[in-house]
């Protein structure tokens, strides 16, 4: 007898239906899995055999052939254990295959028959929904993650016996728990207590304003200053002014973290913007993603959030150069010999650096000891094309004695700054709701022409700026996007000269001797 059980495979963020076909034949007892399985899937044979026996069911002493169709898609991971076990038991007459025909199964089996959590459940269930499958059985530890997909009946099971009893037609029938979650409650359950707050940062008024603009419009920013000026502290405080996630954004991020194995049963939904801090020893693959079965890298884990590169010039130049295309397109395509996977990577690049190797070039208190060659070699890690993609490049100078001892006016709190950021984001969300984007930084050239129009006086001002600073076409578009954000914070419908002038103040390194 041949049975057919449904499950799915995830490649990138896309899901594909997999049919687990099981055939039991007379002959020398054996267990063969075909259909391009990896090592983890091949090892399922021993897990499934022990799980069925230790759950109190007979294991068929026949020739067992399991085909994972379609055979041209590589099957990776332990999520096929449960559908293989269900398929074998259905083919052996232990489980009613007709009752299970409208279900899909996901889960790893322990040797004692209990079900363990697996990765990629959210994108798998979302893909199954698109394929028209309405019922899914998942491990208990994955139940809330799976239930985030509306329109699918999600059932959770702790053991293989629970699954069999769910389909029983006699007195042993015990229905599985149908799971539901309040997505709105999960999304809003955000703790607003941040370890770092802008009210604790002394001075640096210009840097704080630049970070406010970056958070409001999703713009990239580079901070340059001597050691101890507060660059790292400002970056840590940046998380406290980021706006809350929209539901679509939260689900998109949660899918990424699901396939990366970073979700827990206590936190099935990512409800705050990612803030990824990368050490300069990270490899290019670690940052953009990759591997034999390509997994997301740091730029994808920072999607809709922040990627912080402290001391950016300490990273190898070839590692920094891989950021150029994602910064422009908001996505990364990882190509391998047998596959190509596309991941989203729309993040805010937040970076910091010293102005020279010793750190004191242009400092008001200490004299720089570096020669011109050392300074040039140090700064050459940041290429012109990469720098051109960073919207704001600002100096963070040494604090004055008055600022250090607290003799100046108190700093504004992150709570007050965040209110302005959220107000500006809401303006952008309403403006772009028909275009599928959330921020000014996501504007395409076509949308820039539509939403970043300037009057004749502003156009003349821009011509002067382009001639003076030698701005590229990319820089021009980014200045318009940045000016649009400054106008939104100013609650202005039109971009004015003062907005463009303020924007140019935040591009100090472009066109300079840098």
Protein backbone atom coordinates (compact mmCIF):
# COMPACT_ATOMS: atom_id res chain seq x y z
CA UNK A 1 0.00 0.00 0.00
CA UNK A 2 1.16 3.53 -0.79
CA UNK A 3 0.39 6.50 1.45
CA UNK A 4 0.87 10.17 0.73
CA UNK A 5 1.46 12.74 3.48
CA UNK A 6 1.93 16.50 3.02
CA UNK A 7 4.65 18.73 4.45
CA UNK A 8 6.80 21.57 3.06
CA UNK A 9 10.39 22.62 2.43
CA UNK A 10 11.69 26.16 2.93
CA UNK A 11 14.26 27.64 0.55
CA UNK A 12 15.10 31.18 1.54
CA UNK A 13 11.80 32.61 2.71
CA UNK A 14 9.76 30.66 0.16
CA UNK A 15 7.91 27.44 0.93
CA UNK A 16 7.36 24.48 -1.40
CA UNK A 17 4.92 21.61 -0.90
CA UNK A 18 6.56 18.26 -0.32
CA UNK A 19 4.71 14.96 -0.69
CA UNK A 20 6.03 12.19 1.55
CA UNK A 21 5.18 9.01 -0.37
CA UNK A 22 5.60 5.74 1.50
CA UNK A 23 5.46 2.29 -0.12
CA UNK A 24 5.54 -0.98 1.86
CA UNK A 25 6.57 -4.09 -0.10
CA UNK A 26 7.24 -7.70 0.73
CA UNK A 27 10.91 -8.58 0.72
CA UNK A 28 14.01 -8.24 2.82
CA UNK A 29 13.23 -5.66 5.57
CA UNK A 30 14.92 -2.36 4.74
CA UNK A 31 14.33 1.37 5.03
CA UNK A 32 15.27 3.66 2.11
CA UNK A 33 14.70 7.42 1.82
CA UNK A 34 14.99 8.98 -1.66
CA UNK A 35 14.24 12.41 -3.05
CA UNK A 36 17.49 14.33 -2.48
CA UNK A 37 17.63 14.07 1.34
CA UNK A 38 20.53 15.53 3.33
CA UNK A 39 22.27 13.72 6.21
CA UNK A 40 19.73 14.86 8.81
CA UNK A 41 16.85 13.51 6.70
CA UNK A 42 18.65 10.20 6.13
CA UNK A 43 19.19 9.85 9.86
CA UNK A 44 15.43 10.17 10.32
CA UNK A 45 15.21 6.44 9.56
CA UNK A 46 16.60 5.52 12.98
CA UNK A 47 14.64 8.19 14.83
CA UNK A 48 11.37 7.18 13.18
CA UNK A 49 11.95 3.46 13.77
CA UNK A 50 12.61 3.95 17.50
CA UNK A 51 9.82 6.52 17.92
CA UNK A 52 7.18 4.19 16.44
CA UNK A 53 8.32 1.21 18.51
CA UNK A 54 8.64 3.16 21.77
CA UNK A 55 5.20 4.69 21.24
CA UNK A 56 3.69 1.19 21.44
CA UNK A 57 3.05 0.60 17.75
CA UNK A 58 4.48 -2.20 15.59
CA UNK A 59 7.13 -1.25 13.06
CA UNK A 60 6.50 -3.00 9.71
CA UNK A 61 9.01 -5.72 8.90
CA UNK A 62 8.87 -4.97 5.20
CA UNK A 63 10.81 -3.14 2.52
CA UNK A 64 10.03 0.54 3.17
CA UNK A 65 10.63 3.12 0.45
CA UNK A 66 10.07 6.79 1.32
CA UNK A 67 10.07 9.27 -1.55
CA UNK A 68 10.20 13.00 -0.85
CA UNK A 69 8.67 14.56 -3.95
CA UNK A 70 9.51 16.59 -5.95
CA UNK A 71 12.89 14.92 -6.08
CA UNK A 72 14.79 17.92 -7.50
CA UNK A 73 14.42 20.03 -4.31
CA UNK A 74 17.01 19.33 -1.63
CA UNK A 75 15.42 18.29 1.66
CA UNK A 76 17.25 19.69 4.68
CA UNK A 77 16.69 19.31 8.43
CA UNK A 78 14.77 17.15 10.87
CA UNK A 79 11.27 18.51 10.17
CA UNK A 80 10.45 15.47 7.99
CA UNK A 81 10.50 12.99 10.91
CA UNK A 82 6.81 13.34 11.77
CA UNK A 83 5.43 13.16 8.19
CA UNK A 84 7.63 10.11 7.47
CA UNK A 85 6.36 8.38 10.62
CA UNK A 86 2.73 9.24 9.82
CA UNK A 87 3.21 8.00 6.26
CA UNK A 88 4.62 4.65 7.43
CA UNK A 89 1.82 4.14 9.94
CA UNK A 90 -0.81 5.11 7.36
CA UNK A 91 0.64 2.67 4.81
CA UNK A 92 0.63 -0.05 7.52
CA UNK A 93 -3.04 0.57 8.38
CA UNK A 94 -2.39 1.92 11.89
CA UNK A 95 -3.60 5.42 11.00
CA UNK A 96 -6.53 6.35 8.76
CA UNK A 97 -4.93 7.99 5.73
CA UNK A 98 -8.27 9.40 4.53
CA UNK A 99 -8.64 11.40 7.74
CA UNK A 100 -5.09 12.74 7.47
CA UNK A 101 -5.39 13.67 3.80
CA UNK A 102 -6.32 17.31 4.54
CA UNK A 103 -3.46 17.81 7.00
CA UNK A 104 0.21 18.75 6.75
CA UNK A 105 2.78 17.62 9.33
CA UNK A 106 5.95 19.25 10.69
CA UNK A 107 8.19 18.05 13.49
CA UNK A 108 11.26 16.20 14.73
CA UNK A 109 10.87 12.94 16.66
CA UNK A 110 12.79 11.86 19.74
CA UNK A 111 13.57 8.19 20.20
CA UNK A 112 10.80 7.95 22.82
CA UNK A 113 8.20 9.32 20.40
CA UNK A 114 8.00 12.85 21.75
CA UNK A 115 8.00 15.79 19.34
CA UNK A 116 10.75 18.40 19.33
CA UNK A 117 10.64 21.94 18.01
CA UNK A 118 12.12 22.68 14.59
CA UNK A 119 13.16 25.81 12.72
CA UNK A 120 11.33 27.58 9.87
CA UNK A 121 7.83 26.75 11.12
CA UNK A 122 6.34 30.20 10.41
CA UNK A 123 7.44 30.43 6.75
CA UNK A 124 6.52 26.76 6.30
CA UNK A 125 2.96 27.23 7.56
CA UNK A 126 2.61 30.48 5.60
CA UNK A 127 3.66 28.61 2.45
CA UNK A 128 1.25 25.76 3.15
CA UNK A 129 -1.58 28.29 3.45
CA UNK A 130 -0.77 29.61 -0.03
CA UNK A 131 -0.92 26.03 -1.30
CA UNK A 132 -4.46 25.68 0.03
CA UNK A 133 -3.75 23.47 3.06
CA UNK A 134 -6.00 24.42 5.98
CA UNK A 135 -4.83 22.07 8.76
CA UNK A 136 -1.29 21.72 10.14
CA UNK A 137 0.07 19.66 13.04
CA UNK A 138 3.22 21.01 14.70
CA UNK A 139 5.23 20.30 17.88
CA UNK A 140 3.86 21.92 21.03
CA UNK A 141 6.90 24.20 21.34
CA UNK A 142 6.20 25.64 17.88
CA UNK A 143 2.46 26.11 18.30
CA UNK A 144 2.34 29.88 18.90
CA UNK A 145 4.77 30.56 16.09
CA UNK A 146 2.66 28.52 13.67
CA UNK A 147 -0.56 30.16 14.88
CA UNK A 148 0.70 33.57 13.74
CA UNK A 149 -0.54 32.58 10.27
CA UNK A 150 -4.22 33.43 10.08
CA UNK A 151 -6.60 31.23 8.10
CA UNK A 152 -4.89 27.95 9.03
CA UNK A 153 -6.07 25.51 11.71
CA UNK A 154 -2.96 24.83 13.78
CA UNK A 155 -2.91 21.79 16.08
CA UNK A 156 -0.13 21.09 18.55
CA UNK A 157 1.09 17.65 19.61
CA UNK A 158 3.57 16.56 22.27
CA UNK A 159 4.04 12.96 21.14
CA UNK A 160 3.50 10.68 18.16
CA UNK A 161 0.71 8.97 20.14
CA UNK A 162 -1.15 12.29 20.32
CA UNK A 163 -1.09 12.51 16.52
CA UNK A 164 -2.33 8.93 16.07
CA UNK A 165 -5.12 9.39 18.64
CA UNK A 166 -6.26 12.56 16.86
CA UNK A 167 -7.14 10.46 13.77
CA UNK A 168 -8.48 7.41 15.62
CA UNK A 169 -11.97 6.28 14.67
CA UNK A 170 -12.72 4.44 17.94
CA UNK A 171 -12.72 5.11 21.69
CA UNK A 172 -9.02 6.00 21.62
CA UNK A 173 -9.79 9.24 19.74
CA UNK A 174 -8.53 12.32 21.54
CA UNK A 175 -8.56 15.50 19.49
CA UNK A 176 -5.48 17.70 19.47
CA UNK A 177 -5.54 21.22 20.88
CA UNK A 178 -6.34 23.84 18.28
CA UNK A 179 -4.06 26.82 18.85
CA UNK A 180 -4.85 30.51 18.45
CA UNK A 181 -2.93 33.64 19.43
CA UNK A 182 -3.76 37.30 19.86
CA UNK A 183 -1.26 38.81 17.42
CA UNK A 184 -2.14 42.35 18.42
CA UNK A 185 -1.35 41.60 22.06
CA UNK A 186 1.99 40.00 21.12
CA UNK A 187 2.89 42.96 18.91
CA UNK A 188 2.12 45.55 21.57
CA UNK A 189 3.78 43.63 24.42
CA UNK A 190 6.98 45.66 24.14
CA UNK A 191 9.03 46.69 27.15
CA UNK A 192 9.91 50.37 26.78
CA UNK A 193 12.57 50.28 29.47
CA UNK A 194 15.88 50.78 27.67
CA UNK A 195 19.27 50.43 29.30
CA UNK A 196 20.59 53.50 27.47
CA UNK A 197 18.70 56.81 27.19
CA UNK A 198 19.60 60.03 25.39
CA UNK A 199 18.95 62.02 28.57
CA UNK A 200 22.14 60.46 29.96
CA UNK A 201 24.26 61.59 27.00
CA UNK A 202 26.05 64.86 27.64
CA UNK A 203 26.27 67.43 24.86
CA UNK A 204 26.41 66.26 21.21
CA UNK A 205 23.23 68.12 20.23
CA UNK A 206 23.99 67.88 16.50
CA UNK A 207 24.68 64.13 16.66
CA UNK A 208 21.42 63.52 18.54
CA UNK A 209 19.46 65.45 15.94
CA UNK A 210 21.13 63.49 13.15
CA UNK A 211 20.21 60.19 14.86
CA UNK A 212 16.63 61.40 15.24
CA UNK A 213 16.45 62.06 11.50
CA UNK A 214 18.02 58.67 10.75
CA UNK A 215 15.43 56.89 12.90
CA UNK A 216 12.54 58.87 11.39
CA UNK A 217 13.41 58.14 7.75
CA UNK A 218 15.47 54.93 7.94
CA UNK A 219 18.69 56.64 6.78
CA UNK A 220 22.28 55.41 7.10
CA UNK A 221 24.67 57.38 9.31
CA UNK A 222 28.41 57.46 10.04
CA UNK A 223 29.81 59.14 13.18
CA UNK A 224 33.43 60.29 13.16
CA UNK A 225 35.18 61.53 16.28
CA UNK A 226 38.05 61.06 18.75
CA UNK A 227 38.03 58.34 21.44
CA UNK A 228 35.68 59.05 24.31
CA UNK A 229 33.51 61.57 22.48
CA UNK A 230 30.41 59.39 22.92
CA UNK A 231 29.99 57.65 19.55
CA UNK A 232 29.33 54.16 20.96
CA UNK A 233 27.01 55.49 23.67
CA UNK A 234 25.01 57.44 21.10
CA UNK A 235 24.69 54.28 19.00
CA UNK A 236 23.46 52.26 21.99
CA UNK A 237 20.87 54.94 22.75
CA UNK A 238 19.67 54.83 19.13
CA UNK A 239 17.58 51.72 19.86
CA UNK A 240 15.48 53.71 22.35
CA UNK A 241 14.10 56.10 19.69
CA UNK A 242 13.27 53.58 16.97
CA UNK A 243 9.54 53.54 16.09
CA UNK A 244 7.37 50.47 16.83
CA UNK A 245 6.95 47.79 14.21
CA UNK A 246 3.96 47.52 11.92
CA UNK A 247 2.35 44.05 11.85
CA UNK A 248 3.61 43.28 8.33
CA UNK A 249 7.14 44.26 9.37
CA UNK A 250 6.98 42.13 12.53
CA UNK A 251 5.83 39.03 10.62
CA UNK A 252 8.53 39.54 7.99
CA UNK A 253 11.25 39.78 10.65
CA UNK A 254 9.83 36.81 12.55
CA UNK A 255 10.08 34.65 9.42
CA UNK A 256 13.77 35.54 9.13
CA UNK A 257 14.45 34.69 12.76
CA UNK A 258 12.43 31.48 12.40
CA UNK A 259 14.61 30.10 9.60
CA UNK A 260 17.69 31.20 11.56
CA UNK A 261 16.60 29.23 14.63
CA UNK A 262 16.49 32.34 16.82
CA UNK A 263 12.86 32.14 17.96
CA UNK A 264 11.85 30.70 21.33
CA UNK A 265 8.52 29.34 22.52
CA UNK A 266 8.31 32.27 24.94
CA UNK A 267 8.80 34.81 22.16
CA UNK A 268 7.04 33.57 19.02
CA UNK A 269 6.80 37.06 17.47
CA UNK A 270 9.63 39.58 17.07
CA UNK A 271 7.90 42.76 18.23
CA UNK A 272 10.81 45.22 18.41
CA UNK A 273 13.24 46.39 15.77
CA UNK A 274 16.46 44.35 15.55
CA UNK A 275 19.69 46.01 16.67
CA UNK A 276 22.60 43.88 15.46
CA UNK A 277 26.09 44.69 16.70
CA UNK A 278 28.80 43.12 14.52
CA UNK A 279 32.41 42.65 15.60
CA UNK A 280 35.10 43.62 13.10
CA UNK A 281 36.35 40.00 13.01
CA UNK A 282 33.13 38.93 11.19
CA UNK A 283 33.57 37.39 7.75
CA UNK A 284 31.80 38.45 4.59
CA UNK A 285 29.61 35.32 4.70
CA UNK A 286 28.75 36.04 8.33
CA UNK A 287 27.52 39.49 7.32
CA UNK A 288 25.69 38.78 4.05
CA UNK A 289 24.77 35.12 4.70
CA UNK A 290 25.68 31.92 2.93
CA UNK A 291 26.68 28.31 3.45
CA UNK A 292 25.89 25.15 1.50
CA UNK A 293 22.21 25.75 2.31
CA UNK A 294 22.33 29.57 2.39
CA UNK A 295 21.23 31.04 5.71
CA UNK A 296 20.59 34.72 6.53
CA UNK A 297 23.53 36.87 7.54
CA UNK A 298 23.70 39.88 9.83
CA UNK A 299 22.31 42.28 7.21
CA UNK A 300 19.16 40.14 6.92
CA UNK A 301 18.87 39.68 10.70
CA UNK A 302 18.98 43.50 10.88
CA UNK A 303 16.10 43.84 8.38
CA UNK A 304 13.74 46.69 9.36
CA UNK A 305 16.20 47.49 12.15
CA UNK A 306 19.80 48.57 12.67
CA UNK A 307 23.20 47.14 11.78
CA UNK A 308 25.85 48.75 14.00
CA UNK A 309 29.47 48.58 12.87
CA UNK A 310 31.63 50.06 15.62
CA UNK A 311 35.04 51.20 14.34
CA UNK A 312 33.98 50.45 10.78
CA UNK A 313 37.47 50.97 9.31
CA UNK A 314 38.76 48.01 11.36
CA UNK A 315 36.69 45.71 9.12
CA UNK A 316 38.52 44.28 6.09
CA UNK A 317 37.79 46.33 2.99
CA UNK A 318 36.45 43.33 1.06
CA UNK A 319 33.95 42.70 3.87
CA UNK A 320 32.73 46.31 3.76
CA UNK A 321 32.38 46.24 -0.02
CA UNK A 322 29.78 43.46 0.17
CA UNK A 323 27.47 46.00 1.81
CA UNK A 324 27.27 48.17 -1.30
CA UNK A 325 24.57 46.26 -3.16
CA UNK A 326 22.31 45.57 -0.13
CA UNK A 327 22.50 49.25 0.89
CA UNK A 328 21.26 50.19 -2.57
CA UNK A 329 18.65 47.49 -3.20
CA UNK A 330 17.46 46.51 0.29
CA UNK A 331 17.98 42.82 -0.45
CA UNK A 332 20.74 40.29 -1.01
CA UNK A 333 20.86 37.44 -3.53
CA UNK A 334 23.16 34.60 -2.43
CA UNK A 335 24.13 32.54 -5.46
CA UNK A 336 25.65 29.08 -5.20
CA UNK A 337 26.37 26.40 -7.81
CA UNK A 338 23.07 24.58 -7.20
CA UNK A 339 20.84 27.34 -5.85
CA UNK A 340 20.23 31.06 -5.54
CA UNK A 341 18.41 32.47 -2.52
CA UNK A 342 17.13 36.01 -2.06
CA UNK A 343 16.79 37.54 1.41
CA UNK A 344 15.50 40.99 2.40
CA UNK A 345 18.11 43.35 3.85
CA UNK A 346 16.52 46.76 4.32
CA UNK A 347 18.37 48.07 7.37
CA UNK A 348 19.79 51.27 8.83
CA UNK A 349 23.59 51.20 8.72
CA UNK A 350 24.89 52.87 11.87
CA UNK A 351 28.67 53.13 11.93
CA UNK A 352 31.39 54.89 13.89
CA UNK A 353 35.11 55.49 13.42
CA UNK A 354 38.05 57.55 14.60
CA UNK A 355 39.36 60.22 12.20
CA UNK A 356 42.85 58.64 12.07
CA UNK A 357 44.81 55.68 13.54
CA UNK A 358 45.74 57.54 16.73
CA UNK A 359 42.23 58.99 16.90
CA UNK A 360 43.06 62.66 17.50
CA UNK A 361 43.13 64.28 14.06
CA UNK A 362 41.43 67.68 14.42
CA UNK A 363 41.01 67.25 18.18
CA UNK A 364 40.98 70.43 20.26
CA UNK A 365 43.05 69.00 23.12
CA UNK A 366 45.45 66.35 21.81
CA UNK A 367 47.73 66.58 18.80
CA UNK A 368 47.59 63.91 16.08
CA UNK A 369 50.81 61.91 15.66
CA UNK A 370 49.87 60.22 12.36
CA UNK A 371 51.52 61.08 9.04
CA UNK A 372 49.59 61.63 5.82
CA UNK A 373 50.28 58.12 4.51
CA UNK A 374 48.95 56.49 7.70
CA UNK A 375 45.82 58.62 7.61
CA UNK A 376 45.19 57.85 3.93
CA UNK A 377 45.70 54.11 4.39
CA UNK A 378 43.41 54.12 7.44
CA UNK A 379 40.61 55.95 5.66
CA UNK A 380 40.95 54.02 2.40
CA UNK A 381 39.01 51.14 3.99
CA UNK A 382 35.92 53.24 3.24
CA UNK A 383 35.64 53.45 -0.53
CA UNK A 384 33.96 56.34 -2.32
CA UNK A 385 31.01 54.20 -3.55
CA UNK A 386 30.34 52.91 -0.01
CA UNK A 387 30.60 56.39 1.51
CA UNK A 388 28.24 57.68 -1.17
CA UNK A 389 25.57 55.28 0.13
CA UNK A 390 25.74 56.65 3.68
CA UNK A 391 23.20 59.48 3.90
CA UNK A 392 24.71 61.28 6.87
CA UNK A 393 28.37 61.59 7.82
CA UNK A 394 28.81 63.71 10.93
CA UNK A 395 31.59 64.71 13.28
CA UNK A 396 31.24 63.91 16.98
CA UNK A 397 33.75 66.27 18.66
CA UNK A 398 35.29 66.08 22.12
CA UNK A 399 33.01 67.33 24.89
CA UNK A 400 33.77 70.68 26.48
CA UNK A 401 34.62 70.83 30.21
CA UNK A 402 31.24 72.46 30.86
CA UNK A 403 29.41 69.59 29.12
CA UNK A 404 31.43 66.95 30.96
CA UNK A 405 30.67 68.28 34.45
CA UNK A 406 27.02 68.88 33.62
CA UNK A 407 26.99 72.68 33.61
CA UNK A 408 24.96 72.87 30.38
CA UNK A 409 21.20 72.43 29.91
CA UNK A 410 19.87 68.90 30.58
CA UNK A 411 19.54 66.59 27.61
CA UNK A 412 16.22 65.63 26.05
CA UNK A 413 14.99 62.14 26.90
CA UNK A 414 14.62 59.31 24.38
CA UNK A 415 10.88 59.24 25.14
CA UNK A 416 10.41 62.80 23.86
CA UNK A 417 12.59 62.21 20.80
CA UNK A 418 10.77 58.98 20.00
CA UNK A 419 7.41 60.78 19.93
CA UNK A 420 8.66 63.00 17.10
CA UNK A 421 10.14 60.00 15.28
CA UNK A 422 6.85 58.09 15.51
CA UNK A 423 4.90 61.11 14.27
CA UNK A 424 7.19 61.44 11.24
CA UNK A 425 6.99 57.69 10.53
CA UNK A 426 3.18 57.82 10.67
CA UNK A 427 3.22 60.57 8.04
CA UNK A 428 5.36 58.36 5.78
CA UNK A 429 3.26 55.24 6.35
CA UNK A 430 0.10 57.14 5.38
CA UNK A 431 1.80 58.71 2.35
CA UNK A 432 3.20 55.44 0.96
CA UNK A 433 0.46 52.99 1.96
CA UNK A 434 -0.40 52.33 -1.70
CA UNK A 435 3.22 51.68 -2.66
CA UNK A 436 4.18 48.96 -0.16
CA UNK A 437 6.96 50.93 1.56
CA UNK A 438 7.27 52.44 5.04
CA UNK A 439 10.04 55.07 4.98
CA UNK A 440 11.55 57.81 2.84
CA UNK A 441 14.78 55.83 2.49
CA UNK A 442 12.88 53.19 0.48
CA UNK A 443 11.80 55.63 -2.23
CA UNK A 444 12.63 54.54 -5.77
CA UNK A 445 13.78 57.11 -8.37
CA UNK A 446 10.23 57.22 -9.73
CA UNK A 447 8.77 57.87 -6.28
CA UNK A 448 11.45 60.47 -5.52
CA UNK A 449 10.18 62.51 -8.48
CA UNK A 450 6.64 62.11 -7.19
CA UNK A 451 7.11 62.91 -3.49
CA UNK A 452 10.33 64.97 -3.28
CA UNK A 453 9.49 67.88 -5.54
CA UNK A 454 11.32 71.15 -4.93
CA UNK A 455 10.58 74.72 -6.07
CA UNK A 456 12.77 76.87 -8.32
CA UNK A 457 14.66 78.52 -5.45
CA UNK A 458 15.45 75.16 -3.91
CA UNK A 459 16.53 73.82 -7.31
CA UNK A 460 18.99 76.72 -7.73
CA UNK A 461 20.31 76.05 -4.23
CA UNK A 462 20.81 72.37 -5.10
CA UNK A 463 22.70 73.28 -8.29
CA UNK A 464 25.13 75.35 -6.24
CA UNK A 465 25.59 72.51 -3.74
CA UNK A 466 26.19 69.95 -6.48
CA UNK A 467 28.85 72.15 -8.08
CA UNK A 468 30.54 72.96 -4.77
CA UNK A 469 30.62 69.46 -3.28
CA UNK A 470 30.83 67.42 -6.51
CA UNK A 471 27.77 65.38 -5.60
CA UNK A 472 26.87 62.28 -7.64
CA UNK A 473 23.44 61.36 -8.96
CA UNK A 474 23.05 58.91 -6.10
CA UNK A 475 23.98 61.60 -3.58
CA UNK A 476 21.41 63.96 -5.12
CA UNK A 477 18.62 61.41 -4.70
CA UNK A 478 19.69 60.63 -1.14
CA UNK A 479 19.74 64.35 -0.27
CA UNK A 480 16.18 64.67 -1.54
CA UNK A 481 15.07 61.67 0.55
CA UNK A 482 16.84 63.02 3.62
CA UNK A 483 15.33 66.47 3.07
CA UNK A 484 11.91 64.84 2.81
CA UNK A 485 12.44 63.28 6.25
CA UNK A 486 13.57 66.59 7.76
CA UNK A 487 10.44 68.20 6.29
CA UNK A 488 8.28 65.46 7.82
CA UNK A 489 9.83 66.07 11.25
CA UNK A 490 9.08 69.76 10.67
CA UNK A 491 5.49 68.81 9.70
CA UNK A 492 5.97 70.54 6.35
CA UNK A 493 4.21 69.28 3.24
CA UNK A 494 6.86 70.77 0.95
CA UNK A 495 10.63 70.50 0.98
CA UNK A 496 12.06 73.97 1.64
CA UNK A 497 15.53 75.45 1.26
CA UNK A 498 16.10 75.26 5.03
CA UNK A 499 15.48 71.51 4.93
CA UNK A 500 18.01 71.02 2.12
CA UNK A 501 20.55 73.26 3.89
CA UNK A 502 20.18 71.27 7.10
CA UNK A 503 20.57 68.05 5.12
CA UNK A 504 23.86 69.23 3.58
CA UNK A 505 25.23 69.91 7.06
CA UNK A 506 24.96 66.19 7.75
CA UNK A 507 27.18 65.23 4.80
CA UNK A 508 30.42 66.72 6.12
CA UNK A 509 32.76 64.11 4.63
CA UNK A 510 31.40 64.29 1.07
CA UNK A 511 33.49 66.57 -1.07
CA UNK A 512 35.95 67.26 1.78
CA UNK A 513 39.59 66.30 1.93
CA UNK A 514 38.42 62.94 3.20
